[in-house]
N, C-alpha and C. Protein backbone atom coordinates (compact mmCIF):
# COMPACT_ATOMS: atom_id res chain seq x y z
N UNK A 1 0.96 -1.60 0.24
CA UNK A 1 0.19 0.26 0.11
C UNK A 1 0.75 1.16 0.12
N UNK A 2 0.86 2.34 -0.92
CA UNK A 2 1.25 3.21 -0.69
C UNK A 2 1.54 4.21 0.67
N UNK A 3 2.27 4.86 0.86
CA UNK A 3 2.39 5.86 1.85
C UNK A 3 1.22 6.81 1.54
N UNK A 4 0.57 7.34 3.08
CA UNK A 4 -0.12 8.39 2.73
C UNK A 4 0.19 9.56 2.73
N UNK A 5 -0.14 10.57 1.89
CA UNK A 5 0.44 11.95 1.77
C UNK A 5 -0.49 12.75 2.41
N UNK A 6 -0.66 13.78 3.29
CA UNK A 6 -1.63 14.65 3.88
C UNK A 6 -1.90 15.90 3.11
N UNK A 7 -3.26 16.15 2.42
CA UNK A 7 -3.25 17.38 1.79
C UNK A 7 -2.54 18.23 2.27
N UNK A 8 -2.37 19.40 1.42
CA UNK A 8 -1.14 20.60 1.64
C UNK A 8 -2.27 21.42 2.68
N UNK A 9 -1.88 22.04 3.76
CA UNK A 9 -2.40 23.22 3.94
C UNK A 9 -2.92 24.30 3.25
N UNK A 10 -3.75 25.21 3.76
CA UNK A 10 -3.60 26.48 3.01
C UNK A 10 -2.56 27.09 2.88
N UNK A 11 -1.59 27.04 3.77
CA UNK A 11 -0.31 27.72 4.12
C UNK A 11 0.76 27.11 3.02
N UNK A 12 0.52 26.34 2.82
CA UNK A 12 1.40 25.29 2.42
C UNK A 12 1.52 25.76 0.30
N UNK A 13 -0.03 25.63 0.60
CA UNK A 13 -1.03 25.45 -1.15
C UNK A 13 -0.67 27.03 -1.56
N UNK A 14 -0.55 28.07 -1.05
CA UNK A 14 -0.50 29.36 -1.41
C UNK A 14 0.31 29.48 -2.33
N UNK A 15 -0.43 30.03 -3.20
CA UNK A 15 0.96 31.01 -4.35
C UNK A 15 1.44 32.20 -4.10
N UNK A 16 2.88 31.81 -3.89
CA UNK A 16 3.76 32.71 -3.92
C UNK A 16 4.65 33.23 -4.91
N UNK A 17 5.02 34.12 -5.68
CA UNK A 17 5.95 34.01 -6.53
C UNK A 17 7.30 34.62 -5.84
N UNK A 18 8.65 33.91 -6.13
CA UNK A 18 9.28 34.20 -5.47
C UNK A 18 10.37 35.71 -5.55
N UNK A 19 9.80 36.00 -6.68
CA UNK A 19 10.58 37.48 -6.80
C UNK A 19 9.85 39.06 -6.35
N UNK A 20 8.67 38.32 -6.69
CA UNK A 20 7.73 39.57 -6.55
C UNK A 20 7.19 40.35 -5.10
N UNK A 21 6.64 41.43 -4.88
CA UNK A 21 6.41 41.65 -3.88
C UNK A 21 4.76 41.18 -3.25
N UNK A 22 4.30 40.79 -1.66
CA UNK A 22 3.11 40.51 -1.57
C UNK A 22 2.61 41.14 -0.52
N UNK A 23 1.08 41.03 -0.80
CA UNK A 23 0.38 41.75 0.49
C UNK A 23 -0.50 40.62 0.98
N UNK A 24 -0.72 40.70 2.22
CA UNK A 24 -1.56 39.83 2.87
C UNK A 24 -2.02 40.29 3.74
N UNK A 25 -3.57 40.54 4.13
CA UNK A 25 -4.42 41.54 4.32
C UNK A 25 -5.39 40.61 5.10
N UNK A 26 -5.76 40.69 6.08
CA UNK A 26 -7.18 40.02 6.80
C UNK A 26 -8.55 40.41 6.65
N UNK A 27 -9.50 39.84 6.96
CA UNK A 27 -10.88 40.27 6.65
C UNK A 27 -11.53 41.11 7.34
N UNK A 28 -12.09 40.68 8.45
CA UNK A 28 -12.48 41.22 9.70
C UNK A 28 -12.15 42.40 10.02
N UNK A 29 -12.83 43.75 9.68
CA UNK A 29 -12.57 44.74 10.45
C UNK A 29 -11.87 45.47 9.29
N UNK A 30 -11.12 44.79 8.16
CA UNK A 30 -10.21 45.38 6.65
C UNK A 30 -10.83 45.36 5.57
N UNK A 31 -11.01 44.62 5.44
CA UNK A 31 -12.07 44.50 3.96
C UNK A 31 -13.41 44.27 4.25
N UNK A 32 -13.85 43.93 5.14
CA UNK A 32 -15.57 43.17 5.82
C UNK A 32 -15.76 44.26 7.19
N UNK A 33 -16.68 44.96 7.26
CA UNK A 33 -17.34 45.26 8.55
C UNK A 33 -18.16 44.49 8.86
N UNK A 34 -17.06 43.56 9.70
CA UNK A 34 -17.28 42.12 10.50
C UNK A 34 -18.20 42.29 11.40
N UNK A 35 -18.11 43.57 12.24
CA UNK A 35 -18.70 43.60 13.54
C UNK A 35 -20.20 44.05 13.14
N UNK A 36 -20.70 44.99 12.02
CA UNK A 36 -22.08 45.29 11.16
C UNK A 36 -23.03 43.92 11.43
N UNK A 37 -22.31 43.04 10.37
CA UNK A 37 -22.55 42.05 9.73
C UNK A 37 -23.13 40.93 10.92
N UNK A 38 -22.04 40.72 12.10
CA UNK A 38 -22.81 40.01 13.07
C UNK A 38 -23.25 40.35 13.93
N UNK A 39 -23.54 41.75 14.43
CA UNK A 39 -24.68 42.25 15.17
C UNK A 39 -26.30 41.99 14.35
N UNK A 40 -26.01 42.18 12.96
CA UNK A 40 -27.52 41.48 12.36
C UNK A 40 -27.52 40.25 12.55
N UNK A 41 -26.87 39.64 12.09
CA UNK A 41 -27.12 37.93 12.64
C UNK A 41 -27.24 38.05 13.95
N UNK A 42 -26.59 38.11 15.06
CA UNK A 42 -27.02 38.11 16.23
C UNK A 42 -28.59 38.49 16.56
N UNK A 43 -28.59 39.56 15.99
CA UNK A 43 -30.15 39.93 16.17
C UNK A 43 -31.31 39.06 15.93
N UNK A 44 -31.04 38.34 14.86
CA UNK A 44 -31.85 37.02 14.13
C UNK A 44 -32.26 36.32 15.01
N UNK A 45 -30.96 35.73 15.80
CA UNK A 45 -30.79 34.70 16.92
C UNK A 45 -31.42 35.48 18.38
N UNK A 46 -31.83 36.67 18.36
CA UNK A 46 -32.78 37.05 19.85
C UNK A 46 -31.76 37.82 20.37
N UNK A 47 -31.05 38.17 20.29
CA UNK A 47 -29.65 38.57 21.38
C UNK A 47 -29.39 40.11 20.89
N UNK A 48 -29.42 40.86 21.70
CA UNK A 48 -28.69 42.42 21.43
C UNK A 48 -26.94 42.08 21.84
N UNK A 49 -26.39 42.96 20.58
CA UNK A 49 -25.33 43.31 20.23
C UNK A 49 -24.81 44.88 20.37
N UNK A 50 -24.36 44.88 21.58
CA UNK A 50 -23.72 46.30 21.83
C UNK A 50 -22.52 46.49 21.97
N UNK A 51 -21.85 47.29 21.25
CA UNK A 51 -20.41 47.89 20.89
C UNK A 51 -19.93 48.85 22.23
N UNK A 52 -19.86 48.13 23.14
CA UNK A 52 -19.38 48.54 24.51
C UNK A 52 -17.65 49.02 24.29
N UNK A 53 -17.45 48.15 24.15
CA UNK A 53 -15.60 47.88 24.11
C UNK A 53 -15.60 46.75 22.69
N UNK A 54 -13.95 47.14 22.70
CA UNK A 54 -13.30 46.36 21.68
C UNK A 54 -13.10 45.28 21.60
N UNK A 55 -14.26 44.28 21.87
CA UNK A 55 -14.34 42.59 21.91
C UNK A 55 -15.57 42.09 21.05
N UNK A 56 -15.48 40.95 21.35
CA UNK A 56 -16.48 40.13 20.50
C UNK A 56 -17.72 39.22 21.41
N UNK A 57 -17.46 38.53 22.13
CA UNK A 57 -18.68 37.96 22.90
C UNK A 57 -18.93 38.54 24.20
N UNK A 58 -18.09 39.79 24.68
CA UNK A 58 -18.03 40.58 25.93
C UNK A 58 -19.40 41.46 25.39
N UNK A 59 -19.77 41.61 23.69
CA UNK A 59 -20.56 42.72 23.36
C UNK A 59 -22.29 41.73 23.11
N UNK A 60 -22.51 40.48 23.46
CA UNK A 60 -23.32 39.99 23.18
C UNK A 60 -24.13 39.70 24.75
N UNK A 61 -25.64 40.38 24.50
CA UNK A 61 -26.29 40.15 25.58
C UNK A 61 -27.74 39.74 25.19
N UNK A 62 -28.37 39.44 25.94
CA UNK A 62 -29.94 39.07 26.36
C UNK A 62 -30.60 40.19 26.60
N UNK A 63 -31.61 40.14 25.71
CA UNK A 63 -32.34 41.48 26.00
C UNK A 63 -32.92 41.75 27.50
N UNK A 64 -32.56 42.60 27.80
CA UNK A 64 -32.85 43.26 29.27
C UNK A 64 -31.72 43.13 30.53
N UNK A 65 -30.89 42.36 29.78
CA UNK A 65 -29.63 41.88 30.74
C UNK A 65 -28.65 43.11 30.60
N UNK A 66 -27.80 42.97 31.93
CA UNK A 66 -26.61 43.79 31.61
C UNK A 66 -25.65 43.19 32.02
N UNK A 67 -25.14 41.51 32.02
CA UNK A 67 -24.34 40.78 31.56
C UNK A 67 -23.95 40.11 30.42
N UNK A 68 -23.14 40.26 30.07
CA UNK A 68 -22.83 39.53 28.38
C UNK A 68 -23.10 37.75 28.51
N UNK A 69 -23.33 36.96 27.54
CA UNK A 69 -23.35 35.99 27.64
C UNK A 69 -22.18 35.55 28.00
N UNK A 70 -22.65 34.06 28.86
CA UNK A 70 -21.15 33.42 28.62
C UNK A 70 -20.18 33.14 27.30
N UNK A 71 -18.78 31.98 27.39
CA UNK A 71 -18.53 32.30 26.44
C UNK A 71 -19.00 30.99 25.34
N UNK A 72 -19.45 30.05 26.22
CA UNK A 72 -20.05 28.90 25.57
C UNK A 72 -21.12 29.32 24.25
N UNK A 73 -21.99 30.17 24.62
CA UNK A 73 -22.92 30.62 24.08
C UNK A 73 -22.67 31.79 22.69
N UNK A 74 -21.31 32.35 23.21
CA UNK A 74 -20.77 33.65 22.25
C UNK A 74 -20.34 32.25 20.67
N UNK A 75 -19.43 31.39 21.16
CA UNK A 75 -18.66 30.49 20.29
C UNK A 75 -19.96 29.87 19.23
N UNK A 76 -21.06 29.06 20.06
CA UNK A 76 -21.61 29.00 18.97
C UNK A 76 -22.23 30.23 18.15
N UNK A 77 -22.64 31.26 18.65
CA UNK A 77 -23.07 32.14 17.67
C UNK A 77 -21.80 32.43 16.40
N UNK A 78 -20.83 32.67 17.18
CA UNK A 78 -19.52 32.92 16.31
C UNK A 78 -19.72 32.12 15.25
N UNK A 79 -19.88 30.16 15.44
CA UNK A 79 -19.51 29.38 14.16
C UNK A 79 -20.82 29.32 13.33
N UNK A 80 -21.78 29.97 14.33
CA UNK A 80 -23.27 29.87 13.36
C UNK A 80 -22.80 31.09 12.14
N UNK A 81 -22.38 31.58 12.61
CA UNK A 81 -22.43 33.45 11.82
C UNK A 81 -21.19 32.66 10.36
N UNK A 82 -20.65 32.11 10.82
CA UNK A 82 -19.08 32.04 10.01
C UNK A 82 -20.21 31.08 8.69
N UNK A 83 -21.07 30.16 9.58
CA UNK A 83 -21.80 29.19 8.73
C UNK A 83 -22.76 29.54 7.65
N UNK A 84 -23.33 30.41 8.43
CA UNK A 84 -24.61 31.22 7.86
C UNK A 84 -25.02 32.61 7.66
N UNK A 85 -23.74 33.16 8.28
CA UNK A 85 -24.11 34.69 8.13
C UNK A 85 -23.51 35.57 7.74
N UNK A 86 -22.64 35.13 6.25
CA UNK A 86 -21.74 35.90 5.55
C UNK A 86 -22.34 36.80 4.75
N UNK A 87 -23.93 36.51 4.01
CA UNK A 87 -24.39 37.31 3.83
C UNK A 87 -24.35 38.36 4.24
N UNK A 88 -24.23 39.03 5.61
CA UNK A 88 -24.87 39.92 6.52
C UNK A 88 -23.68 40.77 6.23
N UNK A 89 -22.32 40.53 5.36
CA UNK A 89 -21.19 41.20 5.65
C UNK A 89 -21.30 42.63 4.47
N UNK A 90 -20.99 43.41 4.53
CA UNK A 90 -20.47 44.62 3.66
C UNK A 90 -19.17 45.00 3.57
N UNK A 91 -19.03 44.91 2.50
CA UNK A 91 -17.50 45.17 2.21
C UNK A 91 -17.06 46.81 2.34
N UNK A 92 -15.59 46.56 3.13
CA UNK A 92 -15.28 48.03 3.58
C UNK A 92 -15.18 49.07 2.22
N UNK A 93 -15.41 50.01 2.32
CA UNK A 93 -15.53 51.06 1.23
C UNK A 93 -13.82 51.36 0.44
N UNK A 94 -13.92 50.86 -0.66
CA UNK A 94 -12.62 51.00 -1.40
C UNK A 94 -11.57 50.31 -1.50
N UNK A 95 -11.93 49.25 -0.48
CA UNK A 95 -10.94 47.84 -0.33
C UNK A 95 -10.65 46.91 -1.44
N UNK A 96 -11.83 46.73 -2.64
CA UNK A 96 -11.78 45.90 -3.66
C UNK A 96 -11.12 46.38 -4.84
N UNK A 97 -11.02 47.58 -4.86
CA UNK A 97 -10.55 48.87 -5.85
C UNK A 97 -9.00 48.67 -5.41
N UNK A 98 -8.69 49.15 -3.73
CA UNK A 98 -7.02 49.11 -3.65
C UNK A 98 -6.57 48.02 -4.01
N UNK A 99 -7.01 46.57 -3.44
CA UNK A 99 -6.69 45.31 -3.78
C UNK A 99 -6.21 44.93 -4.97
N UNK A 100 -7.17 45.62 -5.98
CA UNK A 100 -7.15 45.41 -7.13
C UNK A 100 -6.03 45.91 -8.23
N UNK A 101 -6.12 47.25 -7.76
CA UNK A 101 -4.66 48.00 -8.43
C UNK A 101 -3.64 47.11 -7.75
N UNK A 102 -3.33 46.92 -5.85
CA UNK A 102 -1.82 46.86 -5.52
C UNK A 102 -1.19 45.18 -5.98
N UNK A 103 -2.59 43.89 -6.57
CA UNK A 103 -2.15 42.75 -7.24
C UNK A 103 -1.79 43.21 -8.80
N UNK A 104 -1.75 44.40 -9.40
CA UNK A 104 -1.30 44.29 -11.06
C UNK A 104 0.07 44.45 -10.63
N UNK A 105 1.33 44.65 -9.53
CA UNK A 105 2.44 44.55 -8.86
C UNK A 105 3.21 43.40 -8.63
N UNK A 106 2.27 42.99 -7.25
CA UNK A 106 2.29 42.43 -6.18
C UNK A 106 1.19 41.05 -5.76
N UNK A 107 1.45 40.27 -5.22
CA UNK A 107 0.65 39.04 -4.78
C UNK A 107 -0.02 39.54 -3.84
N UNK A 108 -1.23 38.80 -3.78
CA UNK A 108 -2.25 39.29 -2.58
C UNK A 108 -3.10 37.91 -1.94
N UNK A 109 -2.45 37.81 -0.89
CA UNK A 109 -2.91 36.77 0.11
C UNK A 109 -4.26 36.92 0.84
N UNK A 110 -5.29 36.33 1.57
CA UNK A 110 -6.11 36.52 2.47
C UNK A 110 -5.60 35.55 3.48
N UNK A 111 -5.31 36.27 4.68
CA UNK A 111 -4.86 35.72 6.01
C UNK A 111 -6.16 35.74 6.76
N UNK A 112 -7.41 35.07 7.68
CA UNK A 112 -7.88 35.08 8.42
C UNK A 112 -8.33 34.16 9.34
N UNK A 113 -8.47 34.67 10.64
CA UNK A 113 -8.33 33.82 11.18
C UNK A 113 -10.16 33.29 11.55
N UNK A 114 -10.56 32.04 10.91
CA UNK A 114 -11.81 32.33 10.91
C UNK A 114 -12.09 30.62 11.27
N UNK A 115 -13.44 29.87 11.57
CA UNK A 115 -13.27 28.36 11.49
C UNK A 115 -13.61 27.82 10.65
N UNK A 116 -13.31 26.30 10.36
CA UNK A 116 -12.98 25.66 8.90
C UNK A 116 -14.42 25.67 8.66
N UNK A 117 -15.26 25.48 9.51
CA UNK A 117 -16.60 25.54 8.89
C UNK A 117 -17.41 26.57 8.48
N UNK A 118 -16.52 27.92 8.31
CA UNK A 118 -17.20 28.77 7.48
C UNK A 118 -16.79 28.75 5.89
N UNK A 119 -15.40 27.89 5.85
CA UNK A 119 -14.73 28.02 4.63
C UNK A 119 -15.11 28.65 3.49
N UNK A 120 -16.33 27.77 3.09
CA UNK A 120 -17.25 27.65 1.45
C UNK A 120 -17.64 28.94 1.49
N UNK A 121 -18.44 29.78 2.84
CA UNK A 121 -18.97 30.40 2.76
C UNK A 121 -18.37 31.85 2.62
N UNK A 122 -17.04 31.45 3.53
CA UNK A 122 -15.82 32.69 3.39
C UNK A 122 -15.63 32.85 1.82
N UNK A 123 -15.20 31.65 1.58
CA UNK A 123 -14.51 32.14 -0.27
C UNK A 123 -15.65 32.38 -0.83
N UNK A 124 -16.76 31.85 -1.24
CA UNK A 124 -17.86 32.72 -1.80
C UNK A 124 -18.19 34.41 -1.57
N UNK A 125 -18.32 34.41 -0.44
CA UNK A 125 -18.10 36.10 -0.45
C UNK A 125 -16.90 36.88 -0.10
N UNK A 126 -15.78 36.64 -0.42
CA UNK A 126 -14.96 36.86 -0.76
C UNK A 126 -14.89 37.26 -2.75
N UNK A 127 -15.44 36.30 -3.52
CA UNK A 127 -15.46 36.23 -4.84
C UNK A 127 -16.80 37.11 -5.14
N UNK A 128 -17.63 37.11 -4.22
CA UNK A 128 -18.62 37.81 -5.01
C UNK A 128 -18.48 39.30 -4.63
N UNK A 129 -17.24 39.78 -4.08
CA UNK A 129 -17.24 41.40 -3.65
C UNK A 129 -15.78 42.29 -4.39
N UNK A 130 -15.43 40.34 -4.89
CA UNK A 130 -14.13 41.14 -5.67
C UNK A 130 -12.63 41.00 -4.82
N UNK A 131 -12.79 40.34 -4.00
CA UNK A 131 -11.71 39.92 -3.67
C UNK A 131 -11.28 38.59 -3.80
N UNK A 132 -11.54 38.03 -4.93
CA UNK A 132 -11.20 36.64 -5.23
C UNK A 132 -9.38 36.00 -5.52
N UNK A 133 -8.98 36.22 -4.03
CA UNK A 133 -7.08 35.78 -4.19
C UNK A 133 -7.18 34.34 -3.00
N UNK A 134 -6.13 34.11 -3.43
CA UNK A 134 -6.27 32.68 -2.27
C UNK A 134 -6.71 32.78 -0.96
N UNK A 135 -7.30 31.82 -0.16
CA UNK A 135 -7.78 32.07 1.20
C UNK A 135 -6.99 31.00 1.74
N UNK A 136 -6.45 31.69 3.08
CA UNK A 136 -5.62 30.75 4.20
C UNK A 136 -6.41 31.04 5.26
N UNK A 137 -6.58 30.17 5.85
CA UNK A 137 -7.71 29.99 7.03
C UNK A 137 -6.38 29.70 8.46
N UNK A 138 -6.58 30.96 9.25
CA UNK A 138 -5.64 30.63 10.19
C UNK A 138 -6.61 30.42 11.51
N UNK A 139 -5.64 29.95 12.59
CA UNK A 139 -6.54 29.64 14.07
C UNK A 139 -6.02 30.27 15.25
N UNK A 140 -4.62 31.41 15.11
CA UNK A 140 -4.01 31.86 15.70
C UNK A 140 -3.44 32.68 15.90
N UNK A 141 -2.28 33.44 16.61
CA UNK A 141 -1.51 34.52 16.37
C UNK A 141 -1.01 34.60 15.06
N UNK A 142 -1.09 35.69 14.09
CA UNK A 142 -0.62 34.92 13.12
C UNK A 142 1.17 35.55 12.45
N UNK A 143 1.72 35.48 13.37
CA UNK A 143 2.91 36.32 12.92
C UNK A 143 3.95 34.78 12.28
N UNK A 144 3.38 33.34 12.83
CA UNK A 144 4.29 32.54 12.17
C UNK A 144 3.89 32.49 10.67
N UNK A 145 2.83 32.32 10.70
CA UNK A 145 2.22 32.00 8.95
C UNK A 145 2.51 33.43 8.26
N UNK A 146 2.59 34.59 9.08
CA UNK A 146 3.18 35.59 7.83
C UNK A 146 4.77 35.30 7.48
N UNK A 147 5.21 35.11 8.50
CA UNK A 147 6.67 34.84 8.34
C UNK A 147 7.03 33.66 7.45
N UNK A 148 6.03 32.29 7.38
CA UNK A 148 6.20 31.33 6.54
C UNK A 148 6.27 32.12 5.42
N UNK A 149 5.24 32.73 4.78
CA UNK A 149 4.68 33.44 3.55
C UNK A 149 6.07 34.03 3.04
N UNK A 150 6.46 35.27 3.86
CA UNK A 150 7.45 36.05 3.46
C UNK A 150 8.53 35.42 3.38
N UNK A 151 9.31 33.96 3.75
CA UNK A 151 9.92 33.73 3.72
C UNK A 151 10.06 32.91 2.27
N UNK A 152 9.08 33.39 1.39
CA UNK A 152 9.12 32.39 0.40
C UNK A 152 9.46 33.38 -1.06
N UNK A 153 9.73 34.54 -0.62
CA UNK A 153 9.63 35.78 -1.52
C UNK A 153 11.02 36.60 -1.32
N UNK A 154 11.42 37.42 -2.33
CA UNK A 154 12.47 37.90 -2.07
C UNK A 154 12.14 39.48 -2.06
N UNK A 155 10.75 39.59 -2.73
CA UNK A 155 10.14 40.67 -2.60
C UNK A 155 9.95 41.47 -1.26
N UNK A 156 9.61 43.27 -1.21
CA UNK A 156 9.09 42.96 0.12
C UNK A 156 7.80 43.13 0.64
N UNK A 157 7.50 43.10 1.22
CA UNK A 157 5.88 41.97 1.91
C UNK A 157 5.25 43.04 3.02
N UNK A 158 3.74 43.58 2.68
CA UNK A 158 3.25 43.96 3.54
C UNK A 158 2.20 43.39 4.61
N UNK A 159 1.92 43.35 5.39
CA UNK A 159 0.59 42.74 6.02
C UNK A 159 -0.31 43.71 6.85
N UNK A 160 -1.59 43.59 6.65
CA UNK A 160 -2.56 44.54 7.52
C UNK A 160 -3.44 43.57 7.87
N UNK A 161 -3.93 44.05 9.51
CA UNK A 161 -4.50 43.62 10.36
C UNK A 161 -5.34 44.33 11.39
N UNK A 162 -6.41 44.45 11.64
CA UNK A 162 -7.21 45.53 12.49
C UNK A 162 -6.61 44.91 14.22
N UNK A 163 -6.19 44.03 14.66
CA UNK A 163 -5.79 43.71 15.66
C UNK A 163 -4.17 43.90 16.16
N UNK A 164 -4.31 44.70 17.29
CA UNK A 164 -2.77 44.89 17.92
C UNK A 164 -2.11 43.31 17.47
N UNK A 165 -2.80 42.03 18.72
CA UNK A 165 -1.66 41.43 19.09
C UNK A 165 -0.90 40.63 17.93
N UNK A 166 -2.13 40.32 16.59
CA UNK A 166 -1.74 39.73 15.35
C UNK A 166 -0.27 40.62 14.66
N UNK A 167 -0.36 42.23 15.00
CA UNK A 167 0.66 42.93 14.27
C UNK A 167 1.85 42.98 15.51
N UNK A 168 1.49 42.45 16.69
CA UNK A 168 2.82 42.52 17.09
C UNK A 168 3.88 40.83 17.10
N UNK A 169 2.58 39.80 16.91
CA UNK A 169 3.17 38.54 16.45
C UNK A 169 3.95 38.77 15.46
N UNK A 170 3.82 39.81 14.11
CA UNK A 170 4.18 39.66 13.14
C UNK A 170 5.12 40.61 13.06
N UNK A 171 5.78 41.27 14.00
CA UNK A 171 6.86 42.02 14.80
C UNK A 171 7.97 41.24 15.54
N UNK A 172 7.39 40.28 15.52
CA UNK A 172 8.03 39.35 16.70
C UNK A 172 8.76 38.22 15.83
N UNK A 173 8.14 37.66 14.51
CA UNK A 173 8.28 36.37 13.96
C UNK A 173 8.58 37.19 12.43
N UNK A 174 8.22 38.19 12.03
CA UNK A 174 8.86 38.59 10.54
C UNK A 174 8.81 39.97 10.74
N UNK A 175 9.58 40.91 11.18
CA UNK A 175 10.45 41.98 11.58
C UNK A 175 10.42 42.80 10.23
N UNK A 176 11.13 42.05 9.52
CA UNK A 176 11.37 43.32 8.33
C UNK A 176 9.70 43.21 7.06
N UNK A 177 8.34 42.65 7.69
CA UNK A 177 7.56 42.70 7.03
C UNK A 177 6.90 44.36 7.49
N UNK A 178 6.50 44.85 6.74
CA UNK A 178 5.92 45.91 6.67
C UNK A 178 4.64 46.00 7.32
N UNK A 179 4.38 46.30 8.30
CA UNK A 179 2.80 46.22 9.25
C UNK A 179 1.81 47.31 9.43
N UNK A 180 0.60 46.93 8.85
CA UNK A 180 -0.47 48.39 8.92
C UNK A 180 -1.00 47.73 9.28
N UNK A 181 -2.05 48.77 10.36
CA UNK A 181 -3.25 48.31 11.07
C UNK A 181 -4.25 49.63 10.18
N UNK A 182 -5.63 48.60 10.16
CA UNK A 182 -6.63 49.39 9.78
C UNK A 182 -8.01 48.57 10.80
N UNK A 183 -8.69 49.56 11.04
CA UNK A 183 -10.22 49.48 11.20
C UNK A 183 -11.38 50.17 10.89
N UNK A 184 -11.88 49.54 10.02
CA UNK A 184 -12.82 49.34 9.40
C UNK A 184 -14.22 50.30 9.89
N UNK A 185 -14.85 49.75 10.85
CA UNK A 185 -15.80 50.25 11.65
C UNK A 185 -15.61 51.14 12.77
N UNK A 186 -16.27 52.37 12.28
CA UNK A 186 -16.23 54.32 13.03
C UNK A 186 -16.27 53.87 14.26
N UNK A 187 -17.07 52.94 15.02
CA UNK A 187 -17.79 52.56 16.17
C UNK A 187 -16.20 52.52 17.23
N UNK A 188 -15.91 51.42 16.10
CA UNK A 188 -14.36 50.81 16.94
C UNK A 188 -13.31 51.64 17.00
N UNK A 189 -13.51 52.18 16.10
CA UNK A 189 -11.84 52.84 15.63
C UNK A 189 -11.38 53.74 17.28
N UNK A 190 -11.95 54.45 17.98
CA UNK A 190 -11.79 55.16 19.49
C UNK A 190 -11.77 53.46 20.30
N UNK A 191 -11.80 52.64 20.23
CA UNK A 191 -11.57 51.72 21.13
C UNK A 191 -10.35 50.87 20.98
N UNK A 192 -9.69 50.61 19.81
CA UNK A 192 -8.93 49.70 19.08
C UNK A 192 -7.34 49.74 19.59
N UNK A 193 -7.04 48.71 20.43
CA UNK A 193 -5.48 49.41 20.92
C UNK A 193 -4.71 49.35 19.71
N UNK A 194 -3.94 50.61 20.04
CA UNK A 194 -2.98 50.35 18.68
C UNK A 194 -1.47 50.93 19.38
N UNK A 195 -0.83 51.04 18.11
CA UNK A 195 0.86 51.43 18.52
C UNK A 195 1.23 51.67 17.51
N UNK A 196 1.06 53.09 17.27
CA UNK A 196 1.36 53.59 15.87
C UNK A 196 2.86 53.67 15.47
N UNK A 197 3.29 53.78 16.65
CA UNK A 197 5.06 54.42 16.37
C UNK A 197 5.53 52.82 16.38
N UNK A 198 5.14 51.56 15.78
CA UNK A 198 5.44 50.40 15.64
C UNK A 198 4.57 49.81 14.39
N UNK A 199 3.37 50.28 14.10
CA UNK A 199 2.65 49.96 13.47
C UNK A 199 1.75 51.04 12.19
N UNK A 200 1.68 51.07 11.49
CA UNK A 200 1.60 52.54 10.53
C UNK A 200 -0.11 51.89 10.74
N UNK A 201 -0.89 52.87 11.03
CA UNK A 201 -2.47 52.97 10.79
C UNK A 201 -3.21 53.74 9.88
N UNK A 202 -3.75 53.58 9.52
CA UNK A 202 -4.32 54.11 8.71
C UNK A 202 -6.02 53.33 8.48
N UNK A 203 -7.49 54.10 8.94
CA UNK A 203 -8.62 53.58 8.26
C UNK A 203 -9.54 53.95 7.42
N UNK A 204 -8.54 54.08 6.14
CA UNK A 204 -9.37 54.49 5.02
C UNK A 204 -8.66 53.69 3.76
N UNK A 205 -9.08 53.11 2.83
CA UNK A 205 -8.49 52.20 2.08
C UNK A 205 -7.56 52.88 0.87
N UNK A 206 -8.22 54.07 0.39
CA UNK A 206 -7.17 54.73 -0.87
C UNK A 206 -5.76 55.49 0.02
N UNK A 207 -5.98 55.73 1.21
CA UNK A 207 -4.66 56.20 1.79
C UNK A 207 -4.05 55.06 2.42
N UNK A 208 -4.10 53.75 2.86
CA UNK A 208 -3.79 52.78 3.01
C UNK A 208 -2.78 52.15 1.42
N UNK A 209 -3.92 52.24 0.62
CA UNK A 209 -3.02 51.63 -0.55
C UNK A 209 -1.97 52.54 -0.79
N UNK A 210 -2.19 53.86 -0.81
CA UNK A 210 -0.50 54.51 -1.05
C UNK A 210 0.30 54.11 -0.45
N UNK A 211 0.16 53.74 0.67
CA UNK A 211 0.97 53.52 1.75
C UNK A 211 1.54 52.24 1.63
N UNK A 212 1.04 51.23 1.21
CA UNK A 212 1.20 49.92 1.10
C UNK A 212 2.30 50.03 -0.29
N UNK A 213 1.80 50.45 -1.22
CA UNK A 213 2.57 50.69 -2.35
C UNK A 213 4.24 51.49 -1.96
N UNK A 214 4.63 52.07 -1.32
CA UNK A 214 5.49 52.87 -1.01
C UNK A 214 5.95 51.76 -0.31
N UNK A 215 5.62 51.00 0.52
CA UNK A 215 6.55 50.14 1.62
C UNK A 215 6.85 48.87 0.75
N UNK A 216 6.14 48.28 -0.28
CA UNK A 216 6.06 47.25 -1.05
C UNK A 216 7.57 47.46 -2.23
N UNK A 217 7.28 48.89 -2.75
CA UNK A 217 8.23 49.73 -3.38
C UNK A 217 7.89 49.80 -4.70
N UNK A 218 6.12 49.43 -4.88
CA UNK A 218 5.26 49.70 -5.96
C UNK A 218 4.74 50.84 -6.30
N UNK A 219 4.93 52.22 -5.35
CA UNK A 219 4.49 53.05 -5.83
C UNK A 219 4.95 53.99 -6.85
């Protein structure tokens, strides 16, 4: 019997041109308005979604209650959203055009922390809204994944995410990668932990596109 060869992971299968610049971009609150869409889905399940803090499950309440739901319920709703709620997501203004422009001179990869149960729905949403780039599902801090991808090209690499821990992780594991923070939802921007002295912050895509192009040498 021949040896079993496991299928390649998203990371291993992702196409990276060995001499080209590379843009690695998150989905939620970067190219998609996640909190808006999640809030719509939550309301359909009979819960309140209150944007009280830069958090997720801690913003989910039963109607009339003052304490958020427990983590188990939050996780069930989260997984349910990725299976059934992608249609509630709106793309961030200008994101598709910006990535399309960058993709003429650089590779573009989507690196998102999402459950595998949402792979099909997330992939379909990306294609529908003009983000038809290779999709990589991740489940932890993104530094190791970005380092692995960046090591496969001699071109400059940029990484865009909304979460400071992911940006810090990339700084640790792949310090040569240019790091950018974006928070698409205006309600969340004042609450989002940031470190602009270490990770460039832009919250609109026209400005972000120009900054990325300069960073990867394609301006």
